[in-house]
Every structure is written in C-alpha cells, then in structure tokens.
Amino acid sequence: MYFRRIRDLREDSDKKQRELAEYLHIDQSTYSDYETGRINVPIEALIKLADFYDTSVDYIVERVNDR
C-alpha cells in the first residue's frame, strides 16, 4: 500500500531516506520501497515513523488530515 505522506513528512523535515532507514534499522533500499509502495510498511515501522514525526499513524495512512 502506498502512503504518500511518508515521503512528504521526510521531505518537509529535510531528511534523507538513509537517515530514516537508519532510524528504522533497515536498508535504504527497503525504505525507498516503503515510499513508493513496492512493499508494505510494517505496522511497527509506521508506529516508529509516527513517533519520529510527532504525528499519528492515522495521519500517515491518510485516515485523518489533522497532523
């Protein structure tokens, strides 16, 4: 499933894919696959990303629009 907000949040924070991959303890190519929707983002990674960006998982998966 493709979650465009993963990329939007990263770019808004001026972070590189490599930085987020390191934070999630995954390869940069895996993180890239998350952003493009080639592979599904595990719920554990979604939770960590929500914590990193101080937002909700619902925001990341576009269930709500309020960050």
PDB file of N, CA and C in Angstrom:
ATOM      1  N   MET A   1       0.844  -1.175   0.000  1.00  0.00           N
ATOM      2  CA  MET A   1       0.000   0.000   0.000  1.00  0.00           C
ATOM      3  C   MET A   1       0.893   1.243   0.000  1.00  0.00           C
ATOM      4  N   TYR A   2       0.510   2.215  -0.772  1.00  0.00           N
ATOM      5  CA  TYR A   2       1.290   3.442  -0.939  1.00  0.00           C
ATOM      6  C   TYR A   2       0.793   4.518   0.013  1.00  0.00           C
ATOM      7  N   PHE A   3       1.700   5.039   0.843  1.00  0.00           N
ATOM      8  CA  PHE A   3       1.380   6.129   1.764  1.00  0.00           C
ATOM      9  C   PHE A   3       2.243   7.328   1.392  1.00  0.00           C
ATOM     10  N   ARG A   4       1.685   8.250   0.620  1.00  0.00           N
ATOM     11  CA  ARG A   4       2.474   9.385   0.133  1.00  0.00           C
ATOM     12  C   ARG A   4       2.982  10.281   1.258  1.00  0.00           C
ATOM     13  N   ARG A   5       2.315  10.249   2.393  1.00  0.00           N
ATOM     14  CA  ARG A   5       2.736  11.130   3.487  1.00  0.00           C
ATOM     15  C   ARG A   5       4.075  10.724   4.083  1.00  0.00           C
ATOM     16  N   ILE A   6       4.473   9.472   3.912  1.00  0.00           N
ATOM     17  CA  ILE A   6       5.792   9.073   4.407  1.00  0.00           C
ATOM     18  C   ILE A   6       6.859   9.917   3.718  1.00  0.00           C
ATOM     19  N   ARG A   7       6.738  10.056   2.418  1.00  0.00           N
ATOM     20  CA  ARG A   7       7.706  10.871   1.679  1.00  0.00           C
ATOM     21  C   ARG A   7       7.524  12.354   2.001  1.00  0.00           C
ATOM     22  N   ASP A   8       6.280  12.811   2.042  1.00  0.00           N
ATOM     23  CA  ASP A   8       6.019  14.223   2.323  1.00  0.00           C
ATOM     24  C   ASP A   8       6.603  14.639   3.675  1.00  0.00           C
ATOM     25  N   LEU A   9       6.384  13.821   4.689  1.00  0.00           N
ATOM     26  CA  LEU A   9       6.908  14.136   6.018  1.00  0.00           C
ATOM     27  C   LEU A   9       8.431  14.168   6.015  1.00  0.00           C
ATOM     28  N   ARG A  10       9.037  13.223   5.332  1.00  0.00           N
ATOM     29  CA  ARG A  10      10.501  13.185   5.271  1.00  0.00           C
ATOM     30  C   ARG A  10      11.043  14.429   4.580  1.00  0.00           C
ATOM     31  N   GLU A  11      10.457  14.768   3.438  1.00  0.00           N
ATOM     32  CA  GLU A  11      10.934  15.938   2.704  1.00  0.00           C
ATOM     33  C   GLU A  11      10.692  17.231   3.478  1.00  0.00           C
ATOM     34  N   ASP A  12       9.541  17.331   4.144  1.00  0.00           N
ATOM     35  CA  ASP A  12       9.248  18.518   4.947  1.00  0.00           C
ATOM     36  C   ASP A  12      10.242  18.683   6.097  1.00  0.00           C
ATOM     37  N   SER A  13      10.803  17.576   6.555  1.00  0.00           N
ATOM     38  CA  SER A  13      11.772  17.597   7.654  1.00  0.00           C
ATOM     39  C   SER A  13      13.210  17.678   7.161  1.00  0.00           C
ATOM     40  N   ASP A  14      13.373  17.797   5.848  1.00  0.00           N
ATOM     41  CA  ASP A  14      14.712  17.867   5.241  1.00  0.00           C
ATOM     42  C   ASP A  14      15.592  16.678   5.638  1.00  0.00           C
ATOM     43  N   LYS A  15      14.988  15.502   5.657  1.00  0.00           N
ATOM     44  CA  LYS A  15      15.717  14.274   5.970  1.00  0.00           C
ATOM     45  C   LYS A  15      15.956  13.487   4.695  1.00  0.00           C
ATOM     46  N   LYS A  16      16.982  12.676   4.718  1.00  0.00           N
ATOM     47  CA  LYS A  16      17.299  11.775   3.612  1.00  0.00           C
ATOM     48  C   LYS A  16      16.716  10.397   3.919  1.00  0.00           C
ATOM     49  N   GLN A  17      16.452   9.641   2.857  1.00  0.00           N
ATOM     50  CA  GLN A  17      15.965   8.274   3.059  1.00  0.00           C
ATOM     51  C   GLN A  17      16.926   7.491   3.945  1.00  0.00           C
ATOM     52  N   ARG A  18      18.208   7.694   3.742  1.00  0.00           N
ATOM     53  CA  ARG A  18      19.231   6.986   4.520  1.00  0.00           C
ATOM     54  C   ARG A  18      19.054   7.229   6.020  1.00  0.00           C
ATOM     55  N   GLU A  19      18.738   8.466   6.400  1.00  0.00           N
ATOM     56  CA  GLU A  19      18.559   8.789   7.811  1.00  0.00           C
ATOM     57  C   GLU A  19      17.376   8.047   8.417  1.00  0.00           C
ATOM     58  N   LEU A  20      16.282   8.001   7.689  1.00  0.00           N
ATOM     59  CA  LEU A  20      15.107   7.293   8.197  1.00  0.00           C
ATOM     60  C   LEU A  20      15.335   5.794   8.206  1.00  0.00           C
ATOM     61  N   ALA A  21      16.038   5.296   7.227  1.00  0.00           N
ATOM     62  CA  ALA A  21      16.361   3.869   7.194  1.00  0.00           C
ATOM     63  C   ALA A  21      17.205   3.497   8.415  1.00  0.00           C
ATOM     64  N   GLU A  22      18.172   4.326   8.740  1.00  0.00           N
ATOM     65  CA  GLU A  22      18.994   4.066   9.924  1.00  0.00           C
ATOM     66  C   GLU A  22      18.138   4.082  11.185  1.00  0.00           C
ATOM     67  N   TYR A  23      17.230   5.037  11.279  1.00  0.00           N
ATOM     68  CA  TYR A  23      16.341   5.132  12.435  1.00  0.00           C
ATOM     69  C   TYR A  23      15.488   3.870  12.577  1.00  0.00           C
ATOM     70  N   LEU A  24      15.047   3.328  11.447  1.00  0.00           N
ATOM     71  CA  LEU A  24      14.205   2.126  11.456  1.00  0.00           C
ATOM     72  C   LEU A  24      15.019   0.830  11.455  1.00  0.00           C
ATOM     73  N   HIS A  25      16.336   0.952  11.348  1.00  0.00           N
ATOM     74  CA  HIS A  25      17.235  -0.210  11.295  1.00  0.00           C
ATOM     75  C   HIS A  25      16.935  -1.108  10.098  1.00  0.00           C
ATOM     76  N   ILE A  26      16.813  -0.456   8.931  1.00  0.00           N
ATOM     77  CA  ILE A  26      16.577  -1.175   7.685  1.00  0.00           C
ATOM     78  C   ILE A  26      17.513  -0.611   6.619  1.00  0.00           C
ATOM     79  N   ASP A  27      17.593  -1.291   5.484  1.00  0.00           N
ATOM     80  CA  ASP A  27      18.379  -0.777   4.362  1.00  0.00           C
ATOM     81  C   ASP A  27      17.672   0.417   3.732  1.00  0.00           C
ATOM     82  N   GLN A  28      18.451   1.309   3.147  1.00  0.00           N
ATOM     83  CA  GLN A  28      17.884   2.462   2.459  1.00  0.00           C
ATOM     84  C   GLN A  28      16.974   2.019   1.323  1.00  0.00           C
ATOM     85  N   SER A  29      17.327   0.946   0.632  1.00  0.00           N
ATOM     86  CA  SER A  29      16.501   0.466  -0.480  1.00  0.00           C
ATOM     87  C   SER A  29      15.136  -0.013   0.019  1.00  0.00           C
ATOM     88  N   THR A  30      15.097  -0.590   1.197  1.00  0.00           N
ATOM     89  CA  THR A  30      13.816  -1.018   1.781  1.00  0.00           C
ATOM     90  C   THR A  30      12.963   0.200   2.093  1.00  0.00           C
ATOM     91  N   TYR A  31      13.593   1.227   2.663  1.00  0.00           N
ATOM     92  CA  TYR A  31      12.842   2.449   2.956  1.00  0.00           C
ATOM     93  C   TYR A  31      12.303   3.063   1.667  1.00  0.00           C
ATOM     94  N   SER A  32      13.109   3.068   0.634  1.00  0.00           N
ATOM     95  CA  SER A  32      12.659   3.573  -0.663  1.00  0.00           C
ATOM     96  C   SER A  32      11.449   2.785  -1.153  1.00  0.00           C
ATOM     97  N   ASP A  33      11.481   1.483  -0.967  1.00  0.00           N
ATOM     98  CA  ASP A  33      10.342   0.642  -1.362  1.00  0.00           C
ATOM     99  C   ASP A  33       9.093   0.983  -0.554  1.00  0.00           C
ATOM    100  N   TYR A  34       9.252   1.356   0.710  1.00  0.00           N
ATOM    101  CA  TYR A  34       8.110   1.815   1.512  1.00  0.00           C
ATOM    102  C   TYR A  34       7.496   3.059   0.878  1.00  0.00           C
ATOM    103  N   GLU A  35       8.348   4.020   0.528  1.00  0.00           N
ATOM    104  CA  GLU A  35       7.858   5.288  -0.015  1.00  0.00           C
ATOM    105  C   GLU A  35       7.148   5.114  -1.350  1.00  0.00           C
ATOM    106  N   THR A  36       7.592   4.193  -2.148  1.00  0.00           N
ATOM    107  CA  THR A  36       6.993   4.003  -3.471  1.00  0.00           C
ATOM    108  C   THR A  36       5.850   2.997  -3.470  1.00  0.00           C
ATOM    109  N   GLY A  37       5.640   2.323  -2.347  1.00  0.00           N
ATOM    110  CA  GLY A  37       4.558   1.351  -2.261  1.00  0.00           C
ATOM    111  C   GLY A  37       4.901  -0.001  -2.849  1.00  0.00           C
ATOM    112  N   ARG A  38       6.169  -0.238  -3.166  1.00  0.00           N
ATOM    113  CA  ARG A  38       6.566  -1.545  -3.705  1.00  0.00           C
ATOM    114  C   ARG A  38       6.416  -2.648  -2.675  1.00  0.00           C
ATOM    115  N   ILE A  39       6.635  -2.304  -1.405  1.00  0.00           N
ATOM    116  CA  ILE A  39       6.393  -3.266  -0.331  1.00  0.00           C
ATOM    117  C   ILE A  39       5.597  -2.568   0.766  1.00  0.00           C
ATOM    118  N   ASN A  40       4.839  -3.348   1.507  1.00  0.00           N
ATOM    119  CA  ASN A  40       4.032  -2.799   2.587  1.00  0.00           C
ATOM    120  C   ASN A  40       4.897  -2.395   3.762  1.00  0.00           C
ATOM    121  N   VAL A  41       4.513  -1.318   4.396  1.00  0.00           N
ATOM    122  CA  VAL A  41       5.216  -0.834   5.579  1.00  0.00           C
ATOM    123  C   VAL A  41       4.688  -1.606   6.784  1.00  0.00           C
ATOM    124  N   PRO A  42       5.559  -2.285   7.513  1.00  0.00           N
ATOM    125  CA  PRO A  42       5.094  -2.997   8.715  1.00  0.00           C
ATOM    126  C   PRO A  42       4.536  -2.013   9.739  1.00  0.00           C
ATOM    127  N   ILE A  43       3.559  -2.461  10.499  1.00  0.00           N
ATOM    128  CA  ILE A  43       2.923  -1.593  11.487  1.00  0.00           C
ATOM    129  C   ILE A  43       3.943  -1.049  12.486  1.00  0.00           C
ATOM    130  N   GLU A  44       4.938  -1.851  12.825  1.00  0.00           N
ATOM    131  CA  GLU A  44       5.964  -1.379  13.762  1.00  0.00           C
ATOM    132  C   GLU A  44       6.705  -0.170  13.194  1.00  0.00           C
ATOM    133  N   ALA A  45       6.973  -0.204  11.891  1.00  0.00           N
ATOM    134  CA  ALA A  45       7.653   0.920  11.244  1.00  0.00           C
ATOM    135  C   ALA A  45       6.737   2.140  11.187  1.00  0.00           C
ATOM    136  N   LEU A  46       5.459   1.931  10.921  1.00  0.00           N
ATOM    137  CA  LEU A  46       4.515   3.052  10.899  1.00  0.00           C
ATOM    138  C   LEU A  46       4.453   3.727  12.266  1.00  0.00           C
ATOM    139  N   ILE A  47       4.448   2.935  13.310  1.00  0.00           N
ATOM    140  CA  ILE A  47       4.404   3.491  14.666  1.00  0.00           C
ATOM    141  C   ILE A  47       5.672   4.290  14.950  1.00  0.00           C
ATOM    142  N   LYS A  48       6.830   3.727  14.584  1.00  0.00           N
ATOM    143  CA  LYS A  48       8.090   4.444  14.809  1.00  0.00           C
ATOM    144  C   LYS A  48       8.139   5.744  14.010  1.00  0.00           C
ATOM    145  N   LEU A  49       7.637   5.716  12.772  1.00  0.00           N
ATOM    146  CA  LEU A  49       7.614   6.935  11.959  1.00  0.00           C
ATOM    147  C   LEU A  49       6.673   7.973  12.569  1.00  0.00           C
ATOM    148  N   ALA A  50       5.530   7.537  13.059  1.00  0.00           N
ATOM    149  CA  ALA A  50       4.600   8.463  13.701  1.00  0.00           C
ATOM    150  C   ALA A  50       5.261   9.108  14.925  1.00  0.00           C
ATOM    151  N   ASP A  51       5.971   8.306  15.703  1.00  0.00           N
ATOM    152  CA  ASP A  51       6.680   8.851  16.866  1.00  0.00           C
ATOM    153  C   ASP A  51       7.767   9.832  16.424  1.00  0.00           C
ATOM    154  N   PHE A  52       8.513   9.469  15.391  1.00  0.00           N
ATOM    155  CA  PHE A  52       9.598  10.316  14.897  1.00  0.00           C
ATOM    156  C   PHE A  52       9.070  11.685  14.469  1.00  0.00           C
ATOM    157  N   TYR A  53       7.952  11.686  13.754  1.00  0.00           N
ATOM    158  CA  TYR A  53       7.389  12.935  13.231  1.00  0.00           C
ATOM    159  C   TYR A  53       6.390  13.583  14.186  1.00  0.00           C
ATOM    160  N   ASP A  54       6.198  12.989  15.351  1.00  0.00           N
ATOM    161  CA  ASP A  54       5.255  13.508  16.344  1.00  0.00           C
ATOM    162  C   ASP A  54       3.866  13.696  15.725  1.00  0.00           C
ATOM    163  N   THR A  55       3.399  12.639  15.102  1.00  0.00           N
ATOM    164  CA  THR A  55       2.081  12.637  14.493  1.00  0.00           C
ATOM    165  C   THR A  55       1.433  11.286  14.776  1.00  0.00           C
ATOM    166  N   SER A  56       0.310  11.029  14.153  1.00  0.00           N
ATOM    167  CA  SER A  56      -0.384   9.759  14.378  1.00  0.00           C
ATOM    168  C   SER A  56      -0.229   8.836  13.170  1.00  0.00           C
ATOM    169  N   VAL A  57      -0.384   7.564  13.432  1.00  0.00           N
ATOM    170  CA  VAL A  57      -0.401   6.593  12.338  1.00  0.00           C
ATOM    171  C   VAL A  57      -1.575   6.909  11.413  1.00  0.00           C
ATOM    172  N   ASP A  58      -2.692   7.323  11.983  1.00  0.00           N
ATOM    173  CA  ASP A  58      -3.856   7.684  11.160  1.00  0.00           C
ATOM    174  C   ASP A  58      -3.515   8.787  10.169  1.00  0.00           C
ATOM    175  N   TYR A  59      -2.710   9.745  10.585  1.00  0.00           N
ATOM    176  CA  TYR A  59      -2.299  10.806   9.662  1.00  0.00           C
ATOM    177  C   TYR A  59      -1.432  10.233   8.549  1.00  0.00           C
ATOM    178  N   ILE A  60      -0.476   9.402   8.899  1.00  0.00           N
ATOM    179  CA  ILE A  60       0.417   8.826   7.894  1.00  0.00           C
ATOM    180  C   ILE A  60      -0.346   8.016   6.863  1.00  0.00           C
ATOM    181  N   VAL A  61      -1.346   7.255   7.317  1.00  0.00           N
ATOM    182  CA  VAL A  61      -2.094   6.400   6.371  1.00  0.00           C
ATOM    183  C   VAL A  61      -3.306   7.119   5.790  1.00  0.00           C
ATOM    184  N   GLU A  62      -3.375   8.427   6.036  1.00  0.00           N
ATOM    185  CA  GLU A  62      -4.381   9.315   5.454  1.00  0.00           C
ATOM    186  C   GLU A  62      -5.815   9.018   5.875  1.00  0.00           C
ATOM    187  N   ARG A  63      -5.963   8.571   7.118  1.00  0.00           N
ATOM    188  CA  ARG A  63      -7.310   8.395   7.659  1.00  0.00           C
ATOM    189  C   ARG A  63      -7.830   9.704   8.239  1.00  0.00           C
ATOM    190  N   VAL A  64      -6.891  10.597   8.609  1.00  0.00           N
ATOM    191  CA  VAL A  64      -7.237  11.940   9.089  1.00  0.00           C
ATOM    192  C   VAL A  64      -6.320  12.940   8.402  1.00  0.00           C
ATOM    193  N   ASN A  65      -6.755  14.174   8.392  1.00  0.00           N
ATOM    194  CA  ASN A  65      -5.945  15.220   7.755  1.00  0.00           C
ATOM    195  C   ASN A  65      -5.254  16.135   8.761  1.00  0.00           C
ATOM    196  N   ASP A  66      -5.639  16.065  10.018  1.00  0.00           N
ATOM    197  CA  ASP A  66      -5.010  16.894  11.050  1.00  0.00           C
ATOM    198  C   ASP A  66      -3.770  16.190  11.562  1.00  0.00           C
ATOM    199  N   ARG A  67      -2.654  16.838  11.380  1.00  0.00           N
ATOM    200  CA  ARG A  67      -1.388  16.243  11.788  1.00  0.00           C
ATOM    201  C   ARG A  67      -1.312  16.141  13.278  1.00  0.00           C
TER     202      ARG A  67
END
